[in-house]
Every structure is written in structure tokens, then in C-alpha cells.
Amino acid sequence: MIKSVSIQVTGKVQGVFFRASTKEKADELGAKGIVRNEADGSVYIEAEGEVRVVDTFIDWCKKGPPRAKVNECLVKDIPLQNFKDFTIQR
């Protein structure tokens, strides 16, 4: 079963390699989607894949890379986007 979610991550999540680390983790797990910095200082992610993969990915997003300090991780189910891979949006 395929699951698709949006994830809004707030805290100290910009300038700590969050996007690059997110892509690395997504590629490692086999999740597809996008990640980008938002003007408000948060990081926005859309991810899809097998339920187990997406759930593991969400758990990682709640912590982030070593230099990040995640305050909040808001997850919402969204319609399937049929991403081909995981990309960093500038």
C-alpha cells in the first residue's frame, strides 16, 4: 500500500543540511518526493512510498540531521503525487 504525506518541520531546520540529509534518508529508504526551505524558516516535505517506508521517514524527520533542532513535525495525508524520485527544490 502506498502512502503520501506532507510534512512541515519547524525549529532550527535551515542552515543545518536538513534538505540534503532529508534527500539522503529518502533515497536510502526508497521514498519519493520533494523537500524545500520555506520563507518562514521551516522545511516543507512531500513524501510517498510504502506505508512502512513513509512511517520510518516521518520518524527520521521528527529528529532530523545531527545539527537540527526540530520543534514540531506536522504530518498530513495528501493525494498521491506519483513522484519519480526525491528532489531538493531551491
PDB file of N, CA and C in Angstrom:
ATOM      1  N   MET A   1       0.847  -1.197   0.000  1.00  0.00           N
ATOM      2  CA  MET A   1       0.000   0.000   0.000  1.00  0.00           C
ATOM      3  C   MET A   1       0.885   1.251   0.000  1.00  0.00           C
ATOM      4  N   ILE A   2       0.540   2.187  -0.857  1.00  0.00           N
ATOM      5  CA  ILE A   2       1.321   3.426  -0.989  1.00  0.00           C
ATOM      6  C   ILE A   2       0.672   4.535  -0.165  1.00  0.00           C
ATOM      7  N   LYS A   3       1.512   5.289   0.514  1.00  0.00           N
ATOM      8  CA  LYS A   3       1.064   6.385   1.368  1.00  0.00           C
ATOM      9  C   LYS A   3       1.753   7.658   0.879  1.00  0.00           C
ATOM     10  N   SER A   4       1.012   8.782   0.929  1.00  0.00           N
ATOM     11  CA  SER A   4       1.578  10.067   0.518  1.00  0.00           C
ATOM     12  C   SER A   4       1.260  11.099   1.600  1.00  0.00           C
ATOM     13  N   VAL A   5       2.293  11.827   2.049  1.00  0.00           N
ATOM     14  CA  VAL A   5       2.114  12.801   3.131  1.00  0.00           C
ATOM     15  C   VAL A   5       2.834  14.108   2.829  1.00  0.00           C
ATOM     16  N   SER A   6       2.342  15.174   3.463  1.00  0.00           N
ATOM     17  CA  SER A   6       3.105  16.420   3.504  1.00  0.00           C
ATOM     18  C   SER A   6       3.615  16.537   4.941  1.00  0.00           C
ATOM     19  N   ILE A   7       4.820  17.087   5.081  1.00  0.00           N
ATOM     20  CA  ILE A   7       5.447  17.234   6.395  1.00  0.00           C
ATOM     21  C   ILE A   7       5.987  18.655   6.499  1.00  0.00           C
ATOM     22  N   GLN A   8       5.568  19.377   7.525  1.00  0.00           N
ATOM     23  CA  GLN A   8       6.079  20.729   7.786  1.00  0.00           C
ATOM     24  C   GLN A   8       6.927  20.622   9.051  1.00  0.00           C
ATOM     25  N   VAL A   9       8.214  20.914   8.909  1.00  0.00           N
ATOM     26  CA  VAL A   9       9.142  20.781  10.036  1.00  0.00           C
ATOM     27  C   VAL A   9       9.578  22.171  10.477  1.00  0.00           C
ATOM     28  N   THR A  10       9.391  22.472  11.769  1.00  0.00           N
ATOM     29  CA  THR A  10       9.804  23.766  12.306  1.00  0.00           C
ATOM     30  C   THR A  10      10.865  23.580  13.382  1.00  0.00           C
ATOM     31  N   GLY A  11      11.599  24.655  13.645  1.00  0.00           N
ATOM     32  CA  GLY A  11      12.687  24.627  14.621  1.00  0.00           C
ATOM     33  C   GLY A  11      13.942  25.150  13.951  1.00  0.00           C
ATOM     34  N   LYS A  12      15.091  24.683  14.423  1.00  0.00           N
ATOM     35  CA  LYS A  12      16.361  25.054  13.780  1.00  0.00           C
ATOM     36  C   LYS A  12      16.593  24.030  12.666  1.00  0.00           C
ATOM     37  N   VAL A  13      15.975  24.316  11.499  1.00  0.00           N
ATOM     38  CA  VAL A  13      15.983  23.330  10.411  1.00  0.00           C
ATOM     39  C   VAL A  13      16.527  23.895   9.102  1.00  0.00           C
ATOM     40  N   GLN A  14      16.947  25.158   9.110  1.00  0.00           N
ATOM     41  CA  GLN A  14      17.611  25.708   7.930  1.00  0.00           C
ATOM     42  C   GLN A  14      19.054  26.030   8.310  1.00  0.00           C
ATOM     43  N   GLY A  15      19.972  25.800   7.357  1.00  0.00           N
ATOM     44  CA  GLY A  15      21.387  26.039   7.616  1.00  0.00           C
ATOM     45  C   GLY A  15      22.051  24.906   8.382  1.00  0.00           C
ATOM     46  N   VAL A  16      21.368  23.754   8.448  1.00  0.00           N
ATOM     47  CA  VAL A  16      21.922  22.595   9.173  1.00  0.00           C
ATOM     48  C   VAL A  16      21.922  21.347   8.281  1.00  0.00           C
ATOM     49  N   PHE A  17      21.936  21.565   6.969  1.00  0.00           N
ATOM     50  CA  PHE A  17      21.938  20.474   5.980  1.00  0.00           C
ATOM     51  C   PHE A  17      20.685  19.609   6.055  1.00  0.00           C
ATOM     52  N   PHE A  18      19.555  20.217   6.465  1.00  0.00           N
ATOM     53  CA  PHE A  18      18.310  19.449   6.600  1.00  0.00           C
ATOM     54  C   PHE A  18      17.841  18.904   5.257  1.00  0.00           C
ATOM     55  N   ARG A  19      17.835  19.762   4.214  1.00  0.00           N
ATOM     56  CA  ARG A  19      17.346  19.295   2.906  1.00  0.00           C
ATOM     57  C   ARG A  19      18.218  18.173   2.350  1.00  0.00           C
ATOM     58  N   ALA A  20      19.539  18.364   2.376  1.00  0.00           N
ATOM     59  CA  ALA A  20      20.458  17.343   1.845  1.00  0.00           C
ATOM     60  C   ALA A  20      20.323  16.034   2.625  1.00  0.00           C
ATOM     61  N   SER A  21      20.223  16.142   3.946  1.00  0.00           N
ATOM     62  CA  SER A  21      20.084  14.944   4.786  1.00  0.00           C
ATOM     63  C   SER A  21      18.745  14.259   4.543  1.00  0.00           C
ATOM     64  N   THR A  22      17.696  15.062   4.299  1.00  0.00           N
ATOM     65  CA  THR A  22      16.370  14.514   4.020  1.00  0.00           C
ATOM     66  C   THR A  22      16.392  13.715   2.725  1.00  0.00           C
ATOM     67  N   LYS A  23      17.048  14.266   1.686  1.00  0.00           N
ATOM     68  CA  LYS A  23      17.158  13.543   0.413  1.00  0.00           C
ATOM     69  C   LYS A  23      17.938  12.246   0.599  1.00  0.00           C
ATOM     70  N   GLU A  24      19.033  12.329   1.346  1.00  0.00           N
ATOM     71  CA  GLU A  24      19.860  11.144   1.612  1.00  0.00           C
ATOM     72  C   GLU A  24      19.034  10.040   2.283  1.00  0.00           C
ATOM     73  N   LYS A  25      18.264  10.413   3.307  1.00  0.00           N
ATOM     74  CA  LYS A  25      17.442   9.447   4.046  1.00  0.00           C
ATOM     75  C   LYS A  25      16.347   8.889   3.143  1.00  0.00           C
ATOM     76  N   ALA A  26      15.703   9.756   2.350  1.00  0.00           N
ATOM     77  CA  ALA A  26      14.642   9.307   1.440  1.00  0.00           C
ATOM     78  C   ALA A  26      15.197   8.309   0.428  1.00  0.00           C
ATOM     79  N   ASP A  27      16.365   8.629  -0.144  1.00  0.00           N
ATOM     80  CA  ASP A  27      16.987   7.728  -1.125  1.00  0.00           C
ATOM     81  C   ASP A  27      17.341   6.387  -0.475  1.00  0.00           C
ATOM     82  N   GLU A  28      17.855   6.447   0.740  1.00  0.00           N
ATOM     83  CA  GLU A  28      18.231   5.229   1.473  1.00  0.00           C
ATOM     84  C   GLU A  28      17.006   4.339   1.721  1.00  0.00           C
ATOM     85  N   LEU A  29      15.870   4.966   2.065  1.00  0.00           N
ATOM     86  CA  LEU A  29      14.652   4.211   2.385  1.00  0.00           C
ATOM     87  C   LEU A  29      13.847   3.828   1.147  1.00  0.00           C
ATOM     88  N   GLY A  30      14.043   4.590   0.054  1.00  0.00           N
ATOM     89  CA  GLY A  30      13.259   4.347  -1.155  1.00  0.00           C
ATOM     90  C   GLY A  30      11.995   5.192  -1.226  1.00  0.00           C
ATOM     91  N   ALA A  31      11.972   6.306  -0.478  1.00  0.00           N
ATOM     92  CA  ALA A  31      10.825   7.230  -0.547  1.00  0.00           C
ATOM     93  C   ALA A  31      11.020   8.178  -1.724  1.00  0.00           C
ATOM     94  N   LYS A  32       9.924   8.636  -2.282  1.00  0.00           N
ATOM     95  CA  LYS A  32       9.952   9.614  -3.386  1.00  0.00           C
ATOM     96  C   LYS A  32       9.310  10.902  -2.893  1.00  0.00           C
ATOM     97  N   GLY A  33       9.679  12.039  -3.533  1.00  0.00           N
ATOM     98  CA  GLY A  33       9.033  13.289  -3.144  1.00  0.00           C
ATOM     99  C   GLY A  33       9.914  14.502  -3.347  1.00  0.00           C
ATOM    100  N   ILE A  34       9.651  15.533  -2.534  1.00  0.00           N
ATOM    101  CA  ILE A  34      10.380  16.797  -2.634  1.00  0.00           C
ATOM    102  C   ILE A  34      10.646  17.348  -1.234  1.00  0.00           C
ATOM    103  N   VAL A  35      11.669  18.211  -1.151  1.00  0.00           N
ATOM    104  CA  VAL A  35      11.935  18.952   0.086  1.00  0.00           C
ATOM    105  C   VAL A  35      12.358  20.360  -0.299  1.00  0.00           C
ATOM    106  N   ARG A  36      11.891  21.352   0.463  1.00  0.00           N
ATOM    107  CA  ARG A  36      12.295  22.732   0.192  1.00  0.00           C
ATOM    108  C   ARG A  36      12.234  23.561   1.474  1.00  0.00           C
ATOM    109  N   ASN A  37      13.067  24.613   1.500  1.00  0.00           N
ATOM    110  CA  ASN A  37      13.014  25.591   2.582  1.00  0.00           C
ATOM    111  C   ASN A  37      11.846  26.527   2.325  1.00  0.00           C
ATOM    112  N   GLU A  38      11.184  26.956   3.389  1.00  0.00           N
ATOM    113  CA  GLU A  38      10.094  27.916   3.298  1.00  0.00           C
ATOM    114  C   GLU A  38      10.575  29.264   3.830  1.00  0.00           C
ATOM    115  N   ALA A  39       9.918  30.344   3.397  1.00  0.00           N
ATOM    116  CA  ALA A  39      10.300  31.696   3.799  1.00  0.00           C
ATOM    117  C   ALA A  39      10.188  31.905   5.319  1.00  0.00           C
ATOM    118  N   ASP A  40       9.307  31.146   5.966  1.00  0.00           N
ATOM    119  CA  ASP A  40       9.114  31.306   7.416  1.00  0.00           C
ATOM    120  C   ASP A  40      10.167  30.573   8.256  1.00  0.00           C
ATOM    121  N   GLY A  41      11.161  29.959   7.577  1.00  0.00           N
ATOM    122  CA  GLY A  41      12.230  29.265   8.299  1.00  0.00           C
ATOM    123  C   GLY A  41      11.980  27.780   8.499  1.00  0.00           C
ATOM    124  N   SER A  42      10.818  27.312   8.058  1.00  0.00           N
ATOM    125  CA  SER A  42      10.517  25.883   8.189  1.00  0.00           C
ATOM    126  C   SER A  42      11.000  25.130   6.947  1.00  0.00           C
ATOM    127  N   VAL A  43      10.886  23.812   6.996  1.00  0.00           N
ATOM    128  CA  VAL A  43      11.191  22.954   5.849  1.00  0.00           C
ATOM    129  C   VAL A  43       9.907  22.219   5.494  1.00  0.00           C
ATOM    130  N   TYR A  44       9.569  22.215   4.187  1.00  0.00           N
ATOM    131  CA  TYR A  44       8.366  21.544   3.697  1.00  0.00           C
ATOM    132  C   TYR A  44       8.779  20.321   2.891  1.00  0.00           C
ATOM    133  N   ILE A  45       8.117  19.210   3.176  1.00  0.00           N
ATOM    134  CA  ILE A  45       8.437  17.938   2.522  1.00  0.00           C
ATOM    135  C   ILE A  45       7.148  17.284   2.039  1.00  0.00           C
ATOM    136  N   GLU A  46       7.202  16.700   0.850  1.00  0.00           N
ATOM    137  CA  GLU A  46       6.159  15.768   0.424  1.00  0.00           C
ATOM    138  C   GLU A  46       6.867  14.448   0.180  1.00  0.00           C
ATOM    139  N   ALA A  47       6.311  13.387   0.746  1.00  0.00           N
ATOM    140  CA  ALA A  47       6.955  12.081   0.615  1.00  0.00           C
ATOM    141  C   ALA A  47       5.906  11.016   0.359  1.00  0.00           C
ATOM    142  N   GLU A  48       6.281  10.047  -0.486  1.00  0.00           N
ATOM    143  CA  GLU A  48       5.384   8.919  -0.699  1.00  0.00           C
ATOM    144  C   GLU A  48       6.183   7.647  -0.927  1.00  0.00           C
ATOM    145  N   GLY A  49       5.515   6.546  -0.624  1.00  0.00           N
ATOM    146  CA  GLY A  49       6.132   5.239  -0.752  1.00  0.00           C
ATOM    147  C   GLY A  49       5.309   4.240   0.041  1.00  0.00           C
ATOM    148  N   GLU A  50       5.864   3.046   0.220  1.00  0.00           N
ATOM    149  CA  GLU A  50       5.200   2.034   1.041  1.00  0.00           C
ATOM    150  C   GLU A  50       4.970   2.612   2.438  1.00  0.00           C
ATOM    151  N   VAL A  51       3.862   2.224   3.072  1.00  0.00           N
ATOM    152  CA  VAL A  51       3.498   2.752   4.390  1.00  0.00           C
ATOM    153  C   VAL A  51       4.664   2.642   5.377  1.00  0.00           C
ATOM    154  N   ARG A  52       5.293   1.477   5.432  1.00  0.00           N
ATOM    155  CA  ARG A  52       6.421   1.250   6.357  1.00  0.00           C
ATOM    156  C   ARG A  52       7.569   2.217   6.079  1.00  0.00           C
ATOM    157  N   VAL A  53       7.855   2.450   4.804  1.00  0.00           N
ATOM    158  CA  VAL A  53       8.922   3.370   4.391  1.00  0.00           C
ATOM    159  C   VAL A  53       8.598   4.800   4.819  1.00  0.00           C
ATOM    160  N   VAL A  54       7.370   5.237   4.529  1.00  0.00           N
ATOM    161  CA  VAL A  54       6.968   6.610   4.857  1.00  0.00           C
ATOM    162  C   VAL A  54       6.938   6.808   6.377  1.00  0.00           C
ATOM    163  N   ASP A  55       6.437   5.820   7.120  1.00  0.00           N
ATOM    164  CA  ASP A  55       6.402   5.935   8.583  1.00  0.00           C
ATOM    165  C   ASP A  55       7.813   6.043   9.167  1.00  0.00           C
ATOM    166  N   THR A  56       8.757   5.263   8.641  1.00  0.00           N
ATOM    167  CA  THR A  56      10.153   5.326   9.079  1.00  0.00           C
ATOM    168  C   THR A  56      10.745   6.699   8.738  1.00  0.00           C
ATOM    169  N   PHE A  57      10.417   7.199   7.548  1.00  0.00           N
ATOM    170  CA  PHE A  57      10.892   8.514   7.097  1.00  0.00           C
ATOM    171  C   PHE A  57      10.358   9.624   8.010  1.00  0.00           C
ATOM    172  N   ILE A  58       9.073   9.553   8.362  1.00  0.00           N
ATOM    173  CA  ILE A  58       8.465  10.539   9.264  1.00  0.00           C
ATOM    174  C   ILE A  58       9.187  10.530  10.612  1.00  0.00           C
ATOM    175  N   ASP A  59       9.461   9.336  11.138  1.00  0.00           N
ATOM    176  CA  ASP A  59      10.186   9.234  12.416  1.00  0.00           C
ATOM    177  C   ASP A  59      11.536   9.939  12.322  1.00  0.00           C
ATOM    178  N   TRP A  60      12.236   9.774  11.177  1.00  0.00           N
ATOM    179  CA  TRP A  60      13.526  10.450  10.990  1.00  0.00           C
ATOM    180  C   TRP A  60      13.333  11.970  10.960  1.00  0.00           C
ATOM    181  N   CYS A  61      12.298  12.440  10.267  1.00  0.00           N
ATOM    182  CA  CYS A  61      12.038  13.883  10.151  1.00  0.00           C
ATOM    183  C   CYS A  61      11.787  14.532  11.513  1.00  0.00           C
ATOM    184  N   LYS A  62      11.263  13.777  12.456  1.00  0.00           N
ATOM    185  CA  LYS A  62      10.986  14.306  13.801  1.00  0.00           C
ATOM    186  C   LYS A  62      12.277  14.634  14.548  1.00  0.00           C
ATOM    187  N   LYS A  63      13.397  14.033  14.099  1.00  0.00           N
ATOM    188  CA  LYS A  63      14.705  14.304  14.706  1.00  0.00           C
ATOM    189  C   LYS A  63      15.578  15.138  13.772  1.00  0.00           C
ATOM    190  N   GLY A  64      15.606  14.742  12.495  1.00  0.00           N
ATOM    191  CA  GLY A  64      16.423  15.445  11.511  1.00  0.00           C
ATOM    192  C   GLY A  64      17.895  15.094  11.648  1.00  0.00           C
ATOM    193  N   PRO A  65      18.739  15.822  10.901  1.00  0.00           N
ATOM    194  CA  PRO A  65      20.181  15.569  10.962  1.00  0.00           C
ATOM    195  C   PRO A  65      20.757  16.060  12.301  1.00  0.00           C
ATOM    196  N   PRO A  66      22.008  15.680  12.609  1.00  0.00           N
ATOM    197  CA  PRO A  66      22.603  15.993  13.919  1.00  0.00           C
ATOM    198  C   PRO A  66      22.530  17.462  14.350  1.00  0.00           C
ATOM    199  N   ARG A  67      22.716  18.418  13.439  1.00  0.00           N
ATOM    200  CA  ARG A  67      22.765  19.823  13.836  1.00  0.00           C
ATOM    201  C   ARG A  67      21.391  20.493  13.928  1.00  0.00           C
ATOM    202  N   ALA A  68      20.353  19.775  13.511  1.00  0.00           N
ATOM    203  CA  ALA A  68      18.993  20.329  13.547  1.00  0.00           C
ATOM    204  C   ALA A  68      18.400  20.224  14.948  1.00  0.00           C
ATOM    205  N   LYS A  69      17.449  21.121  15.217  1.00  0.00           N
ATOM    206  CA  LYS A  69      16.653  21.024  16.446  1.00  0.00           C
ATOM    207  C   LYS A  69      15.195  21.173  16.021  1.00  0.00           C
ATOM    208  N   VAL A  70      14.513  20.046  15.911  1.00  0.00           N
ATOM    209  CA  VAL A  70      13.126  20.032  15.449  1.00  0.00           C
ATOM    210  C   VAL A  70      12.187  20.354  16.613  1.00  0.00           C
ATOM    211  N   ASN A  71      11.376  21.396  16.433  1.00  0.00           N
ATOM    212  CA  ASN A  71      10.367  21.751  17.437  1.00  0.00           C
ATOM    213  C   ASN A  71       9.049  21.042  17.165  1.00  0.00           C
ATOM    214  N   GLU A  72       8.677  21.011  15.880  1.00  0.00           N
ATOM    215  CA  GLU A  72       7.386  20.434  15.508  1.00  0.00           C
ATOM    216  C   GLU A  72       7.476  19.790  14.130  1.00  0.00           C
ATOM    217  N   CYS A  73       6.722  18.722  13.959  1.00  0.00           N
ATOM    218  CA  CYS A  73       6.690  17.996  12.692  1.00  0.00           C
ATOM    219  C   CYS A  73       5.219  17.688  12.399  1.00  0.00           C
ATOM    220  N   LEU A  74       4.598  18.537  11.570  1.00  0.00           N
ATOM    221  CA  LEU A  74       3.178  18.372  11.241  1.00  0.00           C
ATOM    222  C   LEU A  74       3.026  17.497  10.003  1.00  0.00           C
ATOM    223  N   VAL A  75       2.325  16.395  10.137  1.00  0.00           N
ATOM    224  CA  VAL A  75       2.164  15.436   9.041  1.00  0.00           C
ATOM    225  C   VAL A  75       0.705  15.387   8.625  1.00  0.00           C
ATOM    226  N   LYS A  76       0.464  15.496   7.310  1.00  0.00           N
ATOM    227  CA  LYS A  76      -0.905  15.392   6.777  1.00  0.00           C
ATOM    228  C   LYS A  76      -0.903  14.411   5.614  1.00  0.00           C
ATOM    229  N   ASP A  77      -1.938  13.602   5.516  1.00  0.00           N
ATOM    230  CA  ASP A  77      -2.109  12.737   4.348  1.00  0.00           C
ATOM    231  C   ASP A  77      -2.519  13.616   3.170  1.00  0.00           C
ATOM    232  N   ILE A  78      -1.926  13.353   2.009  1.00  0.00           N
ATOM    233  CA  ILE A  78      -2.259  14.090   0.791  1.00  0.00           C
ATOM    234  C   ILE A  78      -2.502  13.085  -0.341  1.00  0.00           C
ATOM    235  N   PRO A  79      -3.162  13.530  -1.431  1.00  0.00           N
ATOM    236  CA  PRO A  79      -3.348  12.624  -2.577  1.00  0.00           C
ATOM    237  C   PRO A  79      -1.997  12.211  -3.174  1.00  0.00           C
ATOM    238  N   LEU A  80      -1.948  11.028  -3.769  1.00  0.00           N
ATOM    239  CA  LEU A  80      -0.719  10.551  -4.404  1.00  0.00           C
ATOM    240  C   LEU A  80      -0.242  11.529  -5.472  1.00  0.00           C
ATOM    241  N   GLN A  81       1.056  11.818  -5.473  1.00  0.00           N
ATOM    242  CA  GLN A  81       1.656  12.733  -6.443  1.00  0.00           C
ATOM    243  C   GLN A  81       2.400  11.986  -7.548  1.00  0.00           C
ATOM    244  N   ASN A  82       2.650  10.693  -7.338  1.00  0.00           N
ATOM    245  CA  ASN A  82       3.385   9.865  -8.302  1.00  0.00           C
ATOM    246  C   ASN A  82       4.760  10.439  -8.654  1.00  0.00           C
ATOM    247  N   PHE A  83       5.509  10.810  -7.614  1.00  0.00           N
ATOM    248  CA  PHE A  83       6.880  11.286  -7.816  1.00  0.00           C
ATOM    249  C   PHE A  83       7.737  10.178  -8.406  1.00  0.00           C
ATOM    250  N   LYS A  84       8.701  10.561  -9.240  1.00  0.00           N
ATOM    251  CA  LYS A  84       9.601   9.581  -9.853  1.00  0.00           C
ATOM    252  C   LYS A  84      10.836   9.346  -8.964  1.00  0.00           C
ATOM    253  N   ASP A  85      11.227  10.369  -8.207  1.00  0.00           N
ATOM    254  CA  ASP A  85      12.395  10.267  -7.325  1.00  0.00           C
ATOM    255  C   ASP A  85      12.244  11.297  -6.217  1.00  0.00           C
ATOM    256  N   PHE A  86      13.297  11.517  -5.437  1.00  0.00           N
ATOM    257  CA  PHE A  86      13.244  12.515  -4.371  1.00  0.00           C
ATOM    258  C   PHE A  86      14.172  13.671  -4.748  1.00  0.00           C
ATOM    259  N   THR A  87      13.627  14.882  -4.784  1.00  0.00           N
ATOM    260  CA  THR A  87      14.419  16.031  -5.220  1.00  0.00           C
ATOM    261  C   THR A  87      14.395  17.170  -4.199  1.00  0.00           C
ATOM    262  N   ILE A  88      15.483  17.949  -4.214  1.00  0.00           N
ATOM    263  CA  ILE A  88      15.581  19.148  -3.403  1.00  0.00           C
ATOM    264  C   ILE A  88      15.140  20.310  -4.282  1.00  0.00           C
ATOM    265  N   GLN A  89      14.148  21.058  -3.816  1.00  0.00           N
ATOM    266  CA  GLN A  89      13.710  22.240  -4.554  1.00  0.00           C
ATOM    267  C   GLN A  89      14.376  23.472  -3.959  1.00  0.00           C
ATOM    268  N   ARG A  90      14.895  24.334  -4.830  1.00  0.00           N
ATOM    269  CA  ARG A  90      15.564  25.562  -4.374  1.00  0.00           C
ATOM    270  C   ARG A  90      14.572  26.691  -4.244  1.00  0.00           C
TER     271      ARG A  90
END
